[in-house]
Protein backbone atom coordinates (compact mmCIF):
# COMPACT_ATOMS: atom_id res chain seq x y z
CA MET A 1 -69.78 37.61 -4.23
CA VAL A 2 -66.93 35.28 -4.90
CA ALA A 3 -63.48 36.73 -4.78
CA SER A 4 -61.54 36.17 -7.95
CA LYS A 5 -58.39 34.05 -7.69
CA GLU A 6 -55.40 36.19 -8.55
CA THR A 7 -52.49 34.57 -10.29
CA ARG A 8 -49.20 36.38 -9.78
CA LYS A 9 -46.52 36.05 -12.35
CA HIS A 10 -42.88 36.10 -11.26
CA PRO A 11 -40.22 36.80 -13.86
CA PRO A 12 -37.35 34.29 -13.82
CA VAL A 13 -34.31 35.28 -11.77
CA ILE A 14 -30.85 34.46 -13.13
CA LEU A 15 -28.35 33.40 -10.46
CA PHE A 16 -24.61 32.85 -10.90
CA SER A 17 -22.91 30.17 -8.82
CA PRO A 18 -19.19 30.92 -8.17
CA ALA A 19 -18.45 27.21 -8.00
CA ARG A 20 -20.17 26.31 -11.26
CA LYS A 21 -19.30 29.48 -13.25
CA THR A 22 -22.57 29.02 -15.15
CA PRO A 23 -25.96 30.73 -14.66
CA THR A 24 -28.78 28.91 -12.89
CA TYR A 25 -32.43 29.84 -12.97
CA GLU A 26 -34.88 30.11 -10.12
CA CYS A 27 -38.57 30.68 -10.78
CA GLU A 28 -42.02 29.96 -9.41
CA VAL A 29 -44.78 28.88 -11.77
CA SER A 30 -48.48 28.38 -11.01
CA LEU A 31 -49.48 24.96 -12.28
CA GLU A 32 -53.21 25.43 -11.57
CA SER A 33 -53.69 28.07 -14.26
CA MET A 34 -51.73 26.17 -16.90
CA SER A 35 -53.20 24.32 -19.82
CA LYS A 36 -51.74 20.99 -20.85
CA PHE A 37 -49.82 22.69 -23.64
CA GLN A 38 -48.36 25.32 -21.28
CA LEU A 39 -47.32 22.65 -18.79
CA ALA A 40 -45.63 20.69 -21.54
CA ALA A 41 -43.76 23.83 -22.59
CA VAL A 42 -42.49 24.40 -19.02
CA LEU A 43 -41.26 20.82 -18.75
CA ALA A 44 -39.54 21.13 -22.11
CA LEU A 45 -37.79 24.28 -20.87
CA ILE A 46 -36.57 22.44 -17.78
CA PHE A 47 -34.96 19.71 -19.87
CA ALA A 48 -33.52 22.30 -22.23
CA VAL A 49 -31.68 24.01 -19.35
CA GLY A 50 -29.49 20.94 -19.11
CA ALA A 51 -28.34 18.23 -16.75
CA GLY A 52 -27.14 19.10 -13.29
CA SER A 53 -30.22 21.09 -12.22
CA SER A 54 -32.42 20.00 -9.36
CA TYR A 55 -36.10 20.71 -8.83
CA ALA A 56 -38.67 20.36 -6.05
CA VAL A 57 -42.46 20.75 -6.06
CA PHE A 58 -44.10 22.59 -3.16
CA GLY A 59 -47.88 22.55 -3.53
CA THR A 60 -48.46 24.00 -6.96
CA ASN A 61 -45.07 25.70 -7.23
CA LEU A 62 -42.16 24.17 -9.13
CA VAL A 63 -38.86 25.53 -7.80
CA GLU A 64 -35.31 24.89 -9.08
CA PHE A 65 -32.28 24.96 -6.77
CA SER A 66 -28.69 25.40 -7.90
CA SER A 67 -26.42 22.33 -7.32
CA SER A 68 -24.17 22.39 -4.27
CA ASP A 69 -20.39 22.86 -4.44
CA GLU A 70 -18.65 19.64 -5.40
CA GLY A 71 -16.20 20.06 -2.50
CA PHE A 72 -12.55 19.06 -2.78
CA SER A 73 -10.59 16.06 -4.00
CA ILE A 74 -7.25 14.54 -3.01
CA SER A 75 -4.68 12.62 -5.02
CA ALA A 76 -1.25 11.01 -4.79
CA ASP A 77 1.63 11.07 -7.24
CA ALA A 78 1.65 7.25 -7.07
CA TYR A 79 -0.62 4.67 -5.48
CA ASN A 80 2.04 1.95 -5.26
CA GLY A 81 5.51 2.21 -3.75
CA THR A 82 8.27 -0.14 -2.65
CA ASN A 83 10.42 0.13 0.47
CA ARG A 84 13.92 -1.38 0.52
CA TYR A 85 15.62 -3.33 3.32
CA VAL A 86 19.32 -4.28 3.19
CA MET A 87 21.09 -6.23 5.94
CA VAL A 88 24.76 -7.23 5.95
CA GLU A 89 26.18 -9.47 8.65
CA VAL A 90 29.77 -8.56 9.49
CA ASP A 91 32.21 -10.78 11.40
CA GLU A 92 35.48 -9.21 12.49
CA GLY A 93 36.99 -12.66 13.10
CA ASP A 94 35.68 -13.15 16.62
CA ASN A 95 32.62 -15.17 15.53
CA ASN A 96 30.47 -12.37 16.94
CA GLU A 97 28.48 -11.16 13.95
CA GLU A 98 27.21 -7.60 13.79
CA GLN A 99 24.20 -6.73 11.66
CA GLN A 100 24.36 -3.54 9.62
CA VAL A 101 20.91 -2.51 8.38
CA GLU A 102 19.87 0.11 5.85
CA GLU A 103 16.23 0.93 5.18
CA ILE A 104 14.96 3.13 2.35
CA PHE A 105 11.30 4.21 2.43
CA HIS A 106 9.30 5.22 -0.63
CA LEU A 107 8.24 8.87 -0.42
CA PHE A 108 4.68 9.65 -1.51
CA SER A 109 3.40 13.11 -2.46
CA PHE A 110 -0.22 14.00 -1.65
CA SER A 111 -2.18 17.04 -2.82
CA THR A 112 -5.68 18.53 -2.67
CA SER A 113 -7.58 20.46 -5.33
CA ASN A 114 -8.98 23.01 -2.87
CA MET A 115 -6.90 25.75 -1.26
CA ASP A 116 -9.80 27.34 0.68
CA GLY A 117 -9.45 26.17 4.26
CA LEU A 118 -7.12 24.25 6.54
CA VAL A 119 -6.24 20.75 5.31
CA VAL A 120 -5.11 18.14 7.86
CA TRP A 121 -3.73 14.81 6.65
CA ASP A 122 -3.86 11.67 8.82
CA PHE A 123 -1.66 8.77 7.67
CA ALA A 124 -3.01 6.26 10.24
CA ASP A 125 0.50 5.45 11.49
CA GLY A 126 0.62 7.99 14.29
CA THR A 127 1.68 10.92 12.11
CA THR A 128 -0.21 13.86 10.61
CA ALA A 129 0.59 16.83 8.38
CA THR A 130 -1.07 20.08 7.33
CA GLY A 131 -1.16 21.89 4.01
CA SER A 132 -2.51 21.46 0.51
CA ASP A 133 0.63 19.56 -0.63
CA VAL A 134 2.48 17.17 1.69
CA THR A 135 4.85 14.19 1.50
CA HIS A 136 4.99 11.06 3.63
CA ALA A 137 6.83 7.71 3.83
CA PHE A 138 5.41 4.57 5.44
CA GLU A 139 7.90 2.46 7.38
CA THR A 140 5.95 -0.79 7.08
CA PRO A 141 4.63 -2.52 3.95
CA GLY A 142 0.87 -2.77 3.63
CA HIS A 143 -2.27 -1.06 2.39
CA HIS A 144 -2.36 2.37 4.03
CA THR A 145 -5.45 4.59 4.18
CA VAL A 146 -4.76 8.33 4.05
CA THR A 147 -7.44 10.74 5.30
CA ALA A 148 -7.60 14.45 4.47
CA THR A 149 -9.93 16.79 6.36
CA ILE A 150 -10.56 20.37 5.22
CA THR A 151 -12.06 22.96 7.56
CA ASN A 152 -13.49 26.21 6.22
CA GLY A 153 -15.50 28.13 8.82
CA ASN A 154 -18.21 25.79 10.03
CA ASP A 155 -17.85 23.47 7.04
CA VAL A 156 -15.83 20.25 7.46
CA GLU A 157 -15.25 17.74 4.64
CA THR A 158 -13.25 14.51 4.62
CA ARG A 159 -11.72 12.47 1.79
CA GLU A 160 -9.79 9.17 1.81
CA LEU A 161 -7.46 7.30 -0.52
CA THR A 162 -5.37 4.13 -0.20
CA VAL A 163 -1.75 3.54 -1.19
CA THR A 164 0.08 0.21 -1.30
CA VAL A 165 3.63 -0.37 -0.07
CA ASP A 166 5.61 -3.52 -0.99
CA LEU A 167 9.05 -4.47 0.31
CA ASP A 168 12.27 -5.48 -1.47
CA SER A 169 14.79 -7.19 0.82
CA GLU A 170 18.43 -8.16 0.43
CA VAL A 171 20.50 -9.98 3.05
CA GLU A 172 24.13 -11.05 3.12
CA VAL A 173 25.13 -13.21 6.09
CA ASP A 174 28.46 -14.37 7.44
CA ASN A 175 30.20 -17.49 6.09
CA MET A 176 28.57 -20.74 7.10
CA GLU A 177 30.41 -23.82 8.34
CA CYS A 178 29.66 -27.52 8.57
CA VAL A 179 27.12 -28.35 11.27
CA CYS A 180 29.66 -30.92 12.46
CA ALA A 181 32.26 -28.25 13.30
CA PRO A 182 32.66 -27.12 16.92
CA THR A 183 32.59 -23.51 15.72
CA ALA A 184 29.49 -24.00 13.59
CA LYS A 185 26.88 -21.31 14.08
CA ASP A 186 23.34 -20.79 12.88
CA THR A 187 23.12 -19.27 9.43
CA ILE A 188 19.77 -17.51 9.35
CA ILE A 189 18.15 -15.32 6.70
CA PRO A 190 15.18 -13.49 8.27
CA LEU A 191 12.34 -13.30 5.75
CA SER A 192 9.37 -11.51 7.27
CA GLU A 193 7.32 -10.82 10.38
CA HIS A 194 4.39 -9.17 8.60
CA ASP A 195 0.93 -9.15 10.15
CA GLY A 196 -1.68 -10.59 7.78
CA THR A 197 -1.37 -12.34 4.41
CA ALA A 198 1.52 -11.74 2.01
CA THR A 199 3.42 -13.46 -0.81
CA LEU A 200 7.21 -13.73 -0.83
CA GLU A 201 9.20 -14.48 -3.98
CA GLY A 202 12.96 -14.54 -4.36
CA TYR A 203 16.08 -16.66 -4.09
CA VAL A 204 18.93 -17.62 -1.81
CA MET A 205 22.44 -18.10 -3.19
CA VAL A 206 25.60 -19.57 -1.70
CA GLU A 207 29.07 -18.99 -3.08
CA HIS A 208 32.05 -21.10 -2.10
CA ASP A 209 34.36 -18.68 -0.34
CA GLY A 210 37.23 -20.37 1.41
CA SER A 211 40.71 -21.76 1.16
CA SER A 212 39.51 -25.32 0.58
CA GLU A 213 39.25 -26.85 -2.86
CA SER A 214 36.55 -25.33 -5.06
CA CYS A 215 33.28 -27.20 -5.47
CA ALA A 216 33.90 -27.69 -9.19
CA LEU A 217 37.13 -29.67 -8.62
CA ARG A 218 36.14 -32.00 -5.79
CA ASN A 219 35.78 -35.74 -6.01
CA PRO A 220 32.29 -37.26 -5.60
CA LEU A 221 32.82 -38.07 -1.92
CA GLN A 222 33.66 -34.48 -1.05
CA GLU A 223 31.12 -32.58 -3.12
CA CYS A 224 29.81 -29.35 -1.71
CA HIS A 225 26.52 -29.64 0.14
CA LEU A 226 23.69 -27.30 1.07
CA ARG A 227 20.44 -27.64 2.97
CA VAL A 228 17.87 -24.82 2.95
CA VAL A 229 15.10 -25.07 5.54
CA TYR A 230 12.02 -22.86 5.74
CA GLU A 231 10.96 -22.23 9.35
CA LEU A 232 7.91 -20.69 11.02
CA LEU A 233 8.47 -19.29 14.49
CA ASP A 234 5.89 -18.39 17.11
CA GLU A 235 7.22 -16.38 20.07
CA GLU A 236 10.75 -17.37 18.92
CA GLN A 237 9.93 -21.10 19.02
CA VAL A 238 10.13 -23.07 15.76
CA THR A 239 6.67 -24.54 15.15
CA MET A 240 6.96 -25.69 11.51
CA THR A 241 9.78 -26.59 9.11
CA GLU A 242 9.97 -27.43 5.42
CA VAL A 243 13.11 -28.49 3.55
CA LEU A 244 13.42 -26.54 0.31
CA PHE A 245 16.74 -28.02 -0.83
CA ASP A 246 19.06 -30.74 0.49
CA ASP A 247 21.65 -31.97 -1.98
CA THR A 248 25.25 -31.81 -3.19
CA PHE A 249 26.47 -29.68 -6.08
CA ARG A 250 29.57 -29.25 -8.23
CA SER A 251 29.66 -25.51 -8.90
CA ASN A 252 31.06 -22.62 -6.92
CA GLU A 253 27.64 -20.96 -6.87
CA LEU A 254 24.24 -22.44 -6.17
CA VAL A 255 20.89 -20.62 -6.37
CA VAL A 256 17.71 -21.90 -4.73
CA ASP A 257 14.52 -20.09 -5.78
CA PHE A 258 11.49 -19.85 -3.52
CA ASP A 259 7.91 -18.63 -3.86
CA PHE A 260 5.71 -18.61 -0.76
CA GLU A 261 2.13 -17.66 -1.62
CA ASP A 262 -0.44 -16.31 0.83
CA VAL A 263 1.70 -16.64 3.94
CA VAL A 264 -0.47 -15.84 6.95
CA LEU A 265 1.30 -14.54 10.05
CA GLU A 266 -0.18 -13.39 13.33
CA GLU A 267 1.29 -11.22 16.04
CA GLY A 268 4.44 -12.82 17.48
CA GLN A 269 5.08 -14.97 14.40
CA ARG A 270 7.82 -14.69 11.79
CA ILE A 271 9.44 -16.78 9.06
CA GLN A 272 13.09 -17.40 8.21
CA LEU A 273 15.45 -19.56 6.17
CA ARG A 274 18.03 -21.74 7.89
CA LEU A 275 21.11 -22.70 5.82
CA GLU A 276 23.23 -25.74 6.70
CA THR A 277 26.02 -27.84 5.20
CA ASP A 278 27.13 -31.34 6.17
CA GLN A 279 30.46 -31.08 4.34
CA VAL A 280 33.35 -30.25 6.66
CA ARG A 281 35.35 -28.68 3.83
CA ASP A 282 32.57 -26.27 2.86
CA TRP A 283 32.93 -22.57 3.54
CA HIS A 284 29.94 -20.93 1.87
CA LYS A 285 29.03 -17.25 1.70
CA PRO A 286 25.22 -16.98 1.60
CA MET A 287 22.96 -14.15 0.50
CA GLY A 288 19.31 -13.77 -0.39
CA ALA A 289 17.01 -11.34 -2.17
CA TRP A 290 13.22 -11.34 -2.30
CA THR A 291 10.07 -9.24 -2.63
CA THR A 292 7.25 -9.20 -0.09
CA THR A 293 3.86 -8.02 -1.32
CA ALA A 294 1.89 -5.60 0.82
CA PRO A 295 0.28 -7.67 3.60
CA ALA A 296 -3.50 -7.84 3.55
CA ALA A 297 -5.64 -8.35 6.63
CA ALA A 298 -5.94 -12.05 7.41
């Protein structure tokens, strides 16, 4: 006597996923007892349920599983920001200049879509913060990776995003004198000491600021003069120079534009502008302003 093969029928069970807010269906179906038409009907039902479902076949049973929670996401109010650097060189008349520096850092706001659990933010600059909504400012220009980790019981999830910080700089240095004068001092505009590759674009301007005759009224032999030299320093030693401007002029203001693309600096290196005049009657007040793009890894 051969035992008959019993086929058990299981009614479909409707499940509700709190994360999805939509019903999912879980059922077991015997494929062995199905005709081709019945099998086609089951497959049609699966596609009719809609995208987002997942299925697995175990032996002759076709089982659907509800999709997992999508987790959490993080965002920033802006993905680009600009810091500001202002330096003014002050001389009280003793030829001993004092640098007064003001730095303003762009403040980013970061948030997460999930409130369930403890969120820890790591800004990769030695600082961290906790909470679903936090703010942070980066002191150095660059491409900064922000990591958020959420812990809920035994579940730990991590998300990352990147923000970019550029730098606007403005420098006003003390009056320059002729290099021939005994009291002549170096007139330096520090440009950057970034690590990596960056582009700098801006200008340097000198304005005649003294008791001597203005540049516009001088005779050809006493015209105002300016030399602008770009310098690369390594461990405070000048290793490369390039003359950007070296000429006379007949106006009380002179502007020299510059654009340095893909400047690569390594640790211990920096770049600067050196300003000089060969005219003993010159008494120029120099300043400069420029933008440094966020350095990228060399």
